[in-house]
Amino acid sequence: MNKPWQIDRRTVLRGAGVTLALPWLEGMSFGAAAKNSAARDLPRRMCSVMFPYGVALPKDDDPARQWGWFPTGKGGKDFQLTNVLRPLEPLIDDISIFSGLSHPKCRSMNGHDTGDTFLTANNLAPGTYRNTISLDQFAAKHLGEKTRLSSLTVSTDGGIGPRTRSTTLSYNEKGQPIPALSDPKLIFQRLFGRDDASRSDQTKLENSGSILDLVREQSKSLKGKLGTADQQKLDEFETSVRDVEQRVDRAQEWLKIPLPEVDPSSIALDSNPEAPKDYIGAMYDLMFLAFQTDITRITAYQVGSYGPTLARTFPAVLGLEANWHSLAHKAGKKGGPEAIGKFDQFLAQNLARFLRRLKDSPEGEDGSSMLDRTLVLYGSSNSRTHVNKNYPLLLAGGSDFGLKHNQFLKFTEATPMSNLFVSMIQAMGIEADAFSDSTGPLNGLA
């Protein structure tokens, strides 16, 4: 017989037009047998994040070496983070950094065509430009039925964009692009709006100032059945949702800014430097909430495309040139590594915040965190801009899957990036020995 504080794992808060799933609570366990079952049922998650245009690669004897993306040192456990990735240092026990990896089929492609192939490893042949299934959709094909949404694809620009300048990272089994969502408010509705809501419920939802207001009554009732620890966790969860709502509202205003072909001085980024930070933060927060509520376990986020992306002006948030593409082209010139390096550091700070939220969120009853059961791939499909080799890449999380971290693994061009994909797929519990042009799992990761 269930005790008053015991609740079902699939308990949700319902209100007019919304269904809000709950994070894991202690009251969802029912003794030793249930603990073992719960451990088996805990989700495995994957998040892929790509940024465009590459990074600075100053040589080791260059005074600007500290603004290069890759760590210094011999590799393995012998490495030191530079200024760029130093925001990740407190999380380094959960991170592996890679050099030398790329997609062999994509090395001869135009330098800015490879955003389309970051997760597919496929060559876009001129004429057909046909793509293949992306890593996230391969995982969603095997795991997507376990959640309300099989996957979530987001980007700054949204949609699919033109071929070779795609604004999405995701491609289905037939190689067709999957449109990305870019409006934080619409993403929030997609995650938490009920598909079968009536017109009146939808109107109430649109007029409501908060998703939480719609489920407040049931939330209050549920708290009366929970233990003290779970009541505190539910309070923290509601605070987290409220924070996202506020960030979404702020980011919504930024999305009204026109495309960056116009005079950069007319773009609000110059007068409101917090806008890109709010927008990127909102995207990471939405993915975190999607994971925390188990609405989906697979996400992909394109920070910017290689085309005329809205993200091109993001460097202005730091007082840098309001043209990310131009900044990348100047990375090899005097002062260039520091300029692009400071912006890459800004991107790393946002990633670190996302990873920290996962790390600080307990999951299960063995002391694990959400990060321990989440794989986060982060990187670019250029090393220097226009160069499709030696991608700057890192993988975070997944310690519960047997992955080893706190290392800088160096590879030659003989090792395809798809080997990393195979390791990720297998860590997700999917029985697969190959992906695209892989030759096996990546050495040194497991």
Protein backbone atom coordinates (compact mmCIF):
# COMPACT_ATOMS: atom_id res chain seq x y z
CA MET A 1 0.00 0.00 0.00
CA ASN A 2 1.35 3.41 -0.95
CA LYS A 3 2.17 5.89 1.79
CA PRO A 4 0.73 9.44 1.56
CA TRP A 5 4.05 10.85 0.36
CA GLN A 6 4.47 8.28 -2.40
CA ILE A 7 3.46 9.43 -5.88
CA ASP A 8 3.65 7.98 -9.37
CA ARG A 9 6.73 8.78 -11.51
CA ARG A 10 4.46 10.11 -14.27
CA THR A 11 2.57 12.55 -12.03
CA VAL A 12 2.04 15.88 -13.79
CA LEU A 13 0.56 19.26 -12.92
CA ARG A 14 -2.39 20.10 -15.15
CA GLY A 15 -4.09 23.40 -15.82
CA ALA A 16 -6.02 25.00 -18.62
CA GLY A 17 -3.99 24.41 -21.75
CA VAL A 18 -0.84 23.05 -20.12
CA THR A 19 0.66 19.87 -18.74
CA LEU A 20 3.80 20.32 -16.63
CA ALA A 21 5.78 17.17 -15.86
CA LEU A 22 7.65 16.99 -12.57
CA PRO A 23 11.35 16.30 -11.94
CA TRP A 24 12.36 13.14 -10.07
CA LEU A 25 11.23 13.28 -6.42
CA GLU A 26 12.08 10.98 -3.52
CA GLY A 27 8.39 10.23 -3.11
CA MET A 28 8.46 8.45 -6.47
CA SER A 29 10.41 5.55 -4.92
CA PHE A 30 8.78 2.52 -3.29
CA GLY A 31 11.43 0.55 -1.42
CA ALA A 32 14.52 -1.42 -2.47
CA ALA A 33 12.92 -3.19 -5.42
CA ALA A 34 11.61 0.10 -6.70
CA LYS A 35 15.06 1.66 -6.27
CA ASN A 36 16.60 -0.95 -8.56
CA SER A 37 13.81 -0.50 -11.07
CA ALA A 38 14.07 3.28 -10.89
CA ALA A 39 17.82 3.11 -11.54
CA ARG A 40 17.16 1.08 -14.68
CA ASP A 41 14.43 3.48 -15.78
CA LEU A 42 16.38 6.70 -15.27
CA PRO A 43 16.66 8.51 -18.60
CA ARG A 44 19.70 8.74 -20.85
CA ARG A 45 19.89 12.09 -22.60
CA MET A 46 21.84 13.71 -25.42
CA CYS A 47 22.35 17.37 -26.29
CA SER A 48 24.32 18.60 -29.32
CA VAL A 49 25.41 22.23 -29.63
CA MET A 50 27.19 23.78 -32.62
CA PHE A 51 28.61 27.26 -33.15
CA PRO A 52 29.84 28.50 -36.56
CA TYR A 53 33.00 30.01 -38.05
CA GLY A 54 35.69 28.18 -36.07
CA VAL A 55 38.14 29.49 -33.47
CA ALA A 56 41.60 31.01 -33.03
CA LEU A 57 44.54 28.59 -33.36
CA PRO A 58 47.70 30.53 -32.39
CA LYS A 59 50.89 28.47 -32.19
CA ASP A 60 52.37 27.48 -28.84
CA ASP A 61 55.07 30.17 -29.04
CA ASP A 62 52.58 32.90 -29.94
CA PRO A 63 52.06 35.49 -27.15
CA ALA A 64 48.33 35.19 -27.88
CA ARG A 65 48.32 31.42 -27.23
CA GLN A 66 46.10 31.86 -24.16
CA TRP A 67 43.31 32.99 -26.50
CA GLY A 68 43.48 29.80 -28.56
CA TRP A 69 40.53 27.43 -28.10
CA PHE A 70 42.48 24.20 -27.55
CA PRO A 71 44.29 23.55 -24.24
CA THR A 72 48.06 23.66 -23.94
CA GLY A 73 50.10 20.61 -22.89
CA LYS A 74 50.99 17.20 -24.28
CA GLY A 75 47.49 15.80 -24.04
CA GLY A 76 45.85 13.07 -22.01
CA LYS A 77 45.91 14.20 -18.38
CA ASP A 78 48.73 16.65 -19.19
CA PHE A 79 46.87 19.75 -20.31
CA GLN A 80 45.94 23.23 -19.17
CA LEU A 81 42.86 25.14 -20.22
CA THR A 82 43.41 28.50 -21.88
CA ASN A 83 41.42 31.65 -21.19
CA VAL A 84 38.79 30.50 -23.67
CA LEU A 85 37.63 27.33 -21.91
CA ARG A 86 38.61 28.35 -18.38
CA PRO A 87 34.94 28.94 -17.43
CA LEU A 88 34.61 25.14 -17.68
CA GLU A 89 37.45 24.42 -15.25
CA PRO A 90 35.20 23.74 -12.21
CA LEU A 91 33.49 21.06 -14.32
CA ILE A 92 36.59 19.55 -15.91
CA ASP A 93 36.09 16.18 -14.17
CA ASP A 94 33.02 15.81 -16.38
CA ILE A 95 34.58 16.99 -19.65
CA SER A 96 36.81 15.55 -22.38
CA ILE A 97 38.30 17.82 -25.04
CA PHE A 98 39.32 16.54 -28.47
CA SER A 99 41.64 17.75 -31.23
CA GLY A 100 42.23 16.31 -34.68
CA LEU A 101 38.68 15.05 -35.24
CA SER A 102 36.59 16.00 -38.27
CA HIS A 103 34.37 14.39 -40.90
CA PRO A 104 36.58 12.98 -43.71
CA LYS A 105 33.77 13.23 -46.27
CA CYS A 106 33.39 16.94 -45.49
CA ARG A 107 37.01 18.08 -45.56
CA SER A 108 36.88 19.04 -49.25
CA MET A 109 33.56 20.88 -48.98
CA ASN A 110 33.27 24.65 -49.02
CA GLY A 111 34.34 26.00 -45.66
CA HIS A 112 30.91 27.23 -44.65
CA ASP A 113 28.87 24.30 -45.99
CA THR A 114 29.65 22.02 -43.07
CA GLY A 115 27.08 23.39 -40.66
CA ASP A 116 24.66 21.14 -42.54
CA THR A 117 26.81 18.09 -41.86
CA PHE A 118 28.01 18.63 -38.29
CA LEU A 119 25.74 15.83 -37.02
CA THR A 120 25.48 13.78 -40.24
CA ALA A 121 29.13 13.38 -41.37
CA ASN A 122 27.84 13.34 -44.95
CA ASN A 123 29.29 14.99 -48.04
CA LEU A 124 26.82 17.33 -49.73
CA ALA A 125 27.42 16.50 -53.38
CA PRO A 126 26.93 19.50 -55.72
CA GLY A 127 23.67 19.26 -57.59
CA THR A 128 21.76 17.03 -55.17
CA TYR A 129 23.05 18.34 -51.82
CA ARG A 130 21.45 15.25 -50.33
CA ASN A 131 22.06 14.74 -46.64
CA THR A 132 21.69 11.74 -44.32
CA ILE A 133 20.29 11.16 -40.84
CA SER A 134 21.79 13.27 -38.05
CA LEU A 135 23.13 11.94 -34.77
CA ASP A 136 20.28 13.37 -32.71
CA GLN A 137 17.62 11.85 -34.97
CA PHE A 138 19.40 8.50 -34.99
CA ALA A 139 19.15 8.53 -31.20
CA ALA A 140 15.56 9.78 -31.30
CA LYS A 141 14.63 6.92 -33.64
CA HIS A 142 15.62 4.45 -30.93
CA LEU A 143 14.63 6.36 -27.79
CA GLY A 144 12.05 8.92 -28.87
CA GLU A 145 9.01 6.83 -28.03
CA LYS A 146 9.89 7.08 -24.33
CA THR A 147 8.97 10.77 -24.14
CA ARG A 148 6.23 13.14 -25.21
CA LEU A 149 8.53 14.72 -27.80
CA SER A 150 10.99 12.44 -29.56
CA SER A 151 13.44 15.34 -29.86
CA LEU A 152 13.74 19.10 -29.72
CA THR A 153 15.62 21.07 -32.38
CA VAL A 154 16.31 24.76 -31.81
CA SER A 155 18.44 27.44 -33.43
CA THR A 156 18.86 31.19 -33.39
CA ASP A 157 17.43 31.58 -36.90
CA GLY A 158 14.79 28.83 -36.94
CA GLY A 159 13.37 26.90 -39.88
CA ILE A 160 15.68 24.99 -42.20
CA GLY A 161 17.46 27.70 -44.18
CA PRO A 162 19.02 27.23 -47.63
CA ARG A 163 21.11 24.21 -48.53
CA THR A 164 24.74 24.56 -47.39
CA ARG A 165 23.66 27.34 -45.03
CA SER A 166 21.21 25.32 -42.97
CA THR A 167 19.57 26.84 -39.90
CA THR A 168 18.98 23.43 -38.31
CA LEU A 169 21.30 20.63 -37.21
CA SER A 170 18.68 17.87 -37.49
CA TYR A 171 17.94 15.61 -40.47
CA ASN A 172 15.57 12.65 -40.67
CA GLU A 173 16.19 9.17 -42.08
CA LYS A 174 15.73 10.44 -45.63
CA GLY A 175 18.18 13.29 -45.10
CA GLN A 176 15.44 15.91 -45.04
CA PRO A 177 16.03 18.88 -42.71
CA ILE A 178 13.84 19.15 -39.62
CA PRO A 179 12.76 22.75 -38.99
CA ALA A 180 14.27 24.28 -35.88
CA LEU A 181 12.34 26.41 -33.42
CA SER A 182 13.81 29.82 -32.60
CA ASP A 183 11.18 31.77 -30.66
CA PRO A 184 11.65 30.98 -26.95
CA LYS A 185 7.99 31.60 -26.18
CA LEU A 186 6.87 29.18 -28.92
CA ILE A 187 9.39 26.61 -27.71
CA PHE A 188 7.99 26.98 -24.21
CA GLN A 189 4.46 26.45 -25.57
CA ARG A 190 5.65 23.43 -27.55
CA LEU A 191 7.12 21.89 -24.44
CA PHE A 192 4.34 22.63 -21.99
CA GLY A 193 1.17 23.31 -24.02
CA ARG A 194 -1.36 20.47 -24.24
CA ASP A 195 -1.97 19.36 -27.81
CA ASP A 196 -5.69 18.68 -27.17
CA ALA A 197 -6.45 21.94 -25.40
CA SER A 198 -9.69 23.61 -26.35
CA ARG A 199 -9.84 27.02 -27.99
CA SER A 200 -10.95 28.60 -24.70
CA ASP A 201 -8.11 26.92 -22.85
CA GLN A 202 -5.64 28.16 -25.44
CA THR A 203 -7.01 31.68 -25.08
CA LYS A 204 -6.63 31.44 -21.32
CA LEU A 205 -3.08 30.21 -21.78
CA GLU A 206 -2.19 33.08 -24.11
CA ASN A 207 -3.68 35.63 -21.72
CA SER A 208 -2.08 34.14 -18.64
CA GLY A 209 1.04 35.73 -17.28
CA SER A 210 2.46 32.39 -16.23
CA ILE A 211 2.30 28.67 -16.92
CA LEU A 212 2.64 28.11 -13.18
CA ASP A 213 -0.49 30.16 -12.45
CA LEU A 214 -2.49 27.62 -14.43
CA VAL A 215 -1.32 24.67 -12.33
CA ARG A 216 -1.05 26.46 -8.97
CA GLU A 217 -4.11 24.82 -7.43
CA GLN A 218 -3.01 21.27 -8.19
CA SER A 219 0.53 22.09 -7.13
CA LYS A 220 -0.73 23.25 -3.73
CA SER A 221 -2.71 20.02 -3.34
CA LEU A 222 0.28 17.89 -4.31
CA LYS A 223 2.57 19.60 -1.79
CA GLY A 224 0.28 18.44 1.01
CA LYS A 225 1.09 14.84 0.09
CA LEU A 226 4.87 15.24 -0.15
CA GLY A 227 7.62 14.94 2.40
CA THR A 228 9.69 17.95 3.43
CA ALA A 229 12.54 17.23 1.00
CA ASP A 230 10.17 16.81 -1.93
CA GLN A 231 8.26 19.97 -1.02
CA GLN A 232 11.53 21.88 -1.16
CA LYS A 233 12.44 20.26 -4.48
CA LEU A 234 9.04 21.14 -5.95
CA ASP A 235 9.49 24.75 -4.77
CA GLU A 236 12.89 24.85 -6.47
CA PHE A 237 11.38 23.37 -9.63
CA GLU A 238 8.65 26.00 -9.74
CA THR A 239 11.23 28.72 -9.20
CA SER A 240 13.23 27.28 -12.09
CA VAL A 241 10.19 27.38 -14.38
CA ARG A 242 9.44 30.95 -13.30
CA ASP A 243 13.01 32.00 -14.07
CA VAL A 244 12.74 30.54 -17.56
CA GLU A 245 9.46 32.36 -18.14
CA GLN A 246 11.12 35.64 -17.24
CA ARG A 247 14.12 34.96 -19.50
CA VAL A 248 11.77 33.96 -22.33
CA ASP A 249 9.94 37.27 -22.00
CA ARG A 250 13.20 39.21 -22.21
CA ALA A 251 14.50 37.13 -25.11
CA GLN A 252 11.20 37.62 -26.96
CA GLU A 253 11.97 41.32 -27.34
CA TRP A 254 15.37 40.61 -28.87
CA LEU A 255 13.87 38.42 -31.60
CA LYS A 256 12.26 41.54 -33.08
CA ILE A 257 15.70 42.78 -34.13
CA PRO A 258 16.09 42.71 -37.95
CA LEU A 259 18.57 40.53 -39.82
CA PRO A 260 22.18 41.74 -39.58
CA GLU A 261 22.52 42.83 -43.23
CA VAL A 262 21.41 46.25 -42.02
CA ASP A 263 23.76 48.80 -40.48
CA PRO A 264 25.08 47.21 -37.24
CA SER A 265 24.68 50.52 -35.41
CA SER A 266 20.91 50.21 -35.82
CA ILE A 267 20.80 46.83 -34.07
CA ALA A 268 19.66 46.81 -30.47
CA LEU A 269 22.63 44.67 -29.44
CA ASP A 270 24.71 47.82 -29.31
CA SER A 271 22.33 49.58 -26.95
CA ASN A 272 21.21 46.49 -25.02
CA PRO A 273 24.28 44.26 -24.63
CA GLU A 274 22.46 41.79 -22.37
CA ALA A 275 20.13 40.66 -25.17
CA PRO A 276 22.27 37.82 -26.65
CA LYS A 277 23.10 36.62 -23.16
CA ASP A 278 19.41 36.43 -22.32
CA TYR A 279 18.59 34.70 -25.59
CA ILE A 280 21.33 32.06 -25.38
CA GLY A 281 20.54 31.59 -21.70
CA ALA A 282 16.86 31.09 -22.48
CA MET A 283 17.68 28.41 -25.06
CA TYR A 284 19.86 26.50 -22.61
CA ASP A 285 17.21 26.92 -19.89
CA LEU A 286 14.52 25.54 -22.17
CA MET A 287 16.63 22.48 -22.98
CA PHE A 288 17.35 22.00 -19.29
CA LEU A 289 13.64 22.14 -18.44
CA ALA A 290 12.82 19.75 -21.29
CA PHE A 291 15.31 17.30 -19.79
CA GLN A 292 14.29 17.90 -16.20
CA THR A 293 10.62 17.25 -16.95
CA ASP A 294 11.47 14.33 -19.27
CA ILE A 295 9.44 15.82 -22.11
CA THR A 296 12.31 14.90 -24.41
CA ARG A 297 15.74 13.32 -23.99
CA ILE A 298 17.27 14.47 -27.27
CA THR A 299 18.04 18.10 -28.14
CA ALA A 300 20.08 19.92 -30.77
CA TYR A 301 20.96 23.62 -30.65
CA GLN A 302 22.59 25.61 -33.44
CA VAL A 303 23.90 28.81 -31.85
CA GLY A 304 24.33 30.33 -35.30
CA SER A 305 24.34 29.26 -38.93
CA TYR A 306 27.02 29.90 -41.55
CA GLY A 307 24.60 32.05 -43.54
CA PRO A 308 23.24 35.53 -42.76
CA THR A 309 22.45 34.50 -39.20
CA LEU A 310 20.96 36.71 -36.51
CA ALA A 311 23.78 35.43 -34.31
CA ARG A 312 26.33 37.19 -36.50
CA THR A 313 25.99 40.31 -34.35
CA PHE A 314 26.31 38.51 -31.00
CA PRO A 315 29.97 39.57 -30.41
CA ALA A 316 28.72 43.13 -29.90
CA VAL A 317 27.56 42.03 -26.44
CA LEU A 318 31.23 42.22 -25.40
CA GLY A 319 31.94 45.45 -27.24
CA LEU A 320 33.58 43.54 -30.10
CA GLU A 321 32.98 43.96 -33.81
CA ALA A 322 29.31 43.22 -34.50
CA ASN A 323 30.15 40.65 -37.16
CA TRP A 324 31.05 37.15 -35.96
CA HIS A 325 32.09 36.07 -39.46
CA SER A 326 34.51 38.97 -39.86
CA LEU A 327 35.88 38.40 -36.36
CA ALA A 328 36.67 34.79 -37.29
CA HIS A 329 38.42 35.84 -40.50
CA LYS A 330 40.70 38.14 -38.50
CA ALA A 331 41.62 35.44 -35.96
CA GLY A 332 45.10 35.05 -37.48
CA LYS A 333 45.91 38.75 -37.50
CA LYS A 334 47.35 40.94 -34.75
CA GLY A 335 44.84 41.17 -31.93
CA GLY A 336 42.60 38.67 -33.70
CA PRO A 337 43.04 35.69 -31.35
CA GLU A 338 42.11 37.76 -28.31
CA ALA A 339 39.03 39.22 -30.00
CA ILE A 340 37.53 35.93 -31.18
CA GLY A 341 38.86 34.24 -28.04
CA LYS A 342 36.91 36.57 -25.78
CA PHE A 343 33.73 35.78 -27.66
CA ASP A 344 34.43 32.03 -27.54
CA GLN A 345 34.98 32.48 -23.80
CA PHE A 346 31.54 34.10 -23.60
CA LEU A 347 30.04 31.07 -25.36
CA ALA A 348 31.90 28.77 -22.95
CA GLN A 349 30.47 30.70 -19.99
CA ASN A 350 26.95 30.03 -21.25
CA LEU A 351 27.76 26.36 -21.76
CA ALA A 352 29.25 26.17 -18.26
CA ARG A 353 26.05 27.57 -16.76
CA PHE A 354 24.01 24.87 -18.54
CA LEU A 355 26.36 22.10 -17.41
CA ARG A 356 26.35 23.44 -13.85
CA ARG A 357 22.56 23.31 -13.72
CA LEU A 358 22.67 19.68 -14.83
CA LYS A 359 25.46 18.93 -12.35
CA ASP A 360 23.59 20.54 -9.45
CA SER A 361 20.36 18.62 -10.16
CA PRO A 362 20.33 15.27 -8.31
CA GLU A 363 18.74 12.31 -10.04
CA GLY A 364 18.08 8.89 -8.59
CA GLU A 365 19.12 7.72 -5.16
CA ASP A 366 22.81 6.95 -5.63
CA GLY A 367 24.14 10.50 -5.54
CA SER A 368 24.09 10.90 -9.32
CA SER A 369 23.18 14.11 -11.09
CA MET A 370 21.40 14.85 -14.34
CA LEU A 371 24.80 15.56 -15.92
CA ASP A 372 25.94 12.04 -15.05
CA ARG A 373 23.18 10.75 -17.33
CA THR A 374 23.37 13.40 -20.04
CA LEU A 375 25.81 13.65 -22.96
CA VAL A 376 26.53 17.20 -24.13
CA LEU A 377 28.46 17.53 -27.39
CA TYR A 378 29.77 21.04 -28.08
CA GLY A 379 31.85 22.39 -30.93
CA SER A 380 32.19 23.82 -34.43
CA SER A 381 32.58 22.31 -37.91
CA ASN A 382 35.48 24.67 -38.70
CA SER A 383 38.83 24.86 -36.94
CA ARG A 384 39.86 28.19 -38.41
CA THR A 385 37.10 29.71 -40.48
CA HIS A 386 36.74 27.91 -43.85
CA VAL A 387 38.92 24.98 -42.66
CA ASN A 388 36.98 21.72 -42.30
CA LYS A 389 39.57 19.85 -40.23
CA ASN A 390 40.53 19.62 -36.56
CA TYR A 391 37.12 20.65 -35.24
CA PRO A 392 37.14 22.25 -31.76
CA LEU A 393 35.11 19.68 -29.81
CA LEU A 394 34.31 18.62 -26.29
CA LEU A 395 31.99 16.11 -24.68
CA ALA A 396 30.56 16.59 -21.20
CA GLY A 397 28.62 14.30 -18.88
CA GLY A 398 27.75 10.63 -19.00
CA SER A 399 29.87 9.39 -16.10
CA ASP A 400 27.09 6.95 -15.19
CA PHE A 401 27.57 5.45 -18.65
CA GLY A 402 31.21 4.59 -17.94
CA LEU A 403 32.78 7.53 -19.78
CA LYS A 404 36.18 8.85 -18.65
CA HIS A 405 36.82 12.59 -18.48
CA ASN A 406 39.27 15.25 -17.33
CA GLN A 407 41.41 14.64 -20.41
CA PHE A 408 42.53 16.23 -23.66
CA LEU A 409 42.58 13.55 -26.34
CA LYS A 410 44.60 14.25 -29.49
CA PHE A 411 43.88 12.37 -32.72
CA THR A 412 45.17 12.35 -36.28
CA GLU A 413 43.01 12.72 -39.38
CA ALA A 414 42.85 8.92 -39.58
CA THR A 415 40.21 8.98 -36.82
CA PRO A 416 36.81 10.23 -38.03
CA MET A 417 34.56 12.27 -35.78
CA SER A 418 31.90 9.61 -36.36
CA ASN A 419 33.84 7.38 -33.96
CA LEU A 420 32.86 9.85 -31.25
CA PHE A 421 29.26 9.51 -32.43
CA VAL A 422 29.46 5.72 -32.07
CA SER A 423 30.72 6.09 -28.50
CA MET A 424 27.86 8.46 -27.73
CA ILE A 425 25.26 6.18 -29.31
CA GLN A 426 26.51 3.19 -27.35
CA ALA A 427 26.58 5.23 -24.14
CA MET A 428 22.91 5.99 -24.75
CA GLY A 429 22.24 2.26 -24.55
CA ILE A 430 21.62 1.89 -28.29
CA GLU A 431 22.97 -1.25 -29.92
CA ALA A 432 24.89 0.11 -32.90
CA ASP A 433 28.44 -0.46 -34.09
CA ALA A 434 28.64 2.18 -36.80
CA PHE A 435 27.52 5.64 -37.86
CA SER A 436 28.30 7.02 -41.31
CA ASP A 437 32.06 6.60 -41.94
CA SER A 438 33.02 5.44 -38.44
CA THR A 439 35.66 2.78 -37.88
CA GLY A 440 34.56 1.94 -34.33
CA PRO A 441 34.08 3.70 -30.99
CA LEU A 442 36.49 6.49 -30.04
CA ASN A 443 39.59 5.30 -28.21
CA GLY A 444 40.21 6.60 -24.72
CA LEU A 445 36.69 7.73 -23.87
CA ALA A 446 35.26 4.63 -22.18
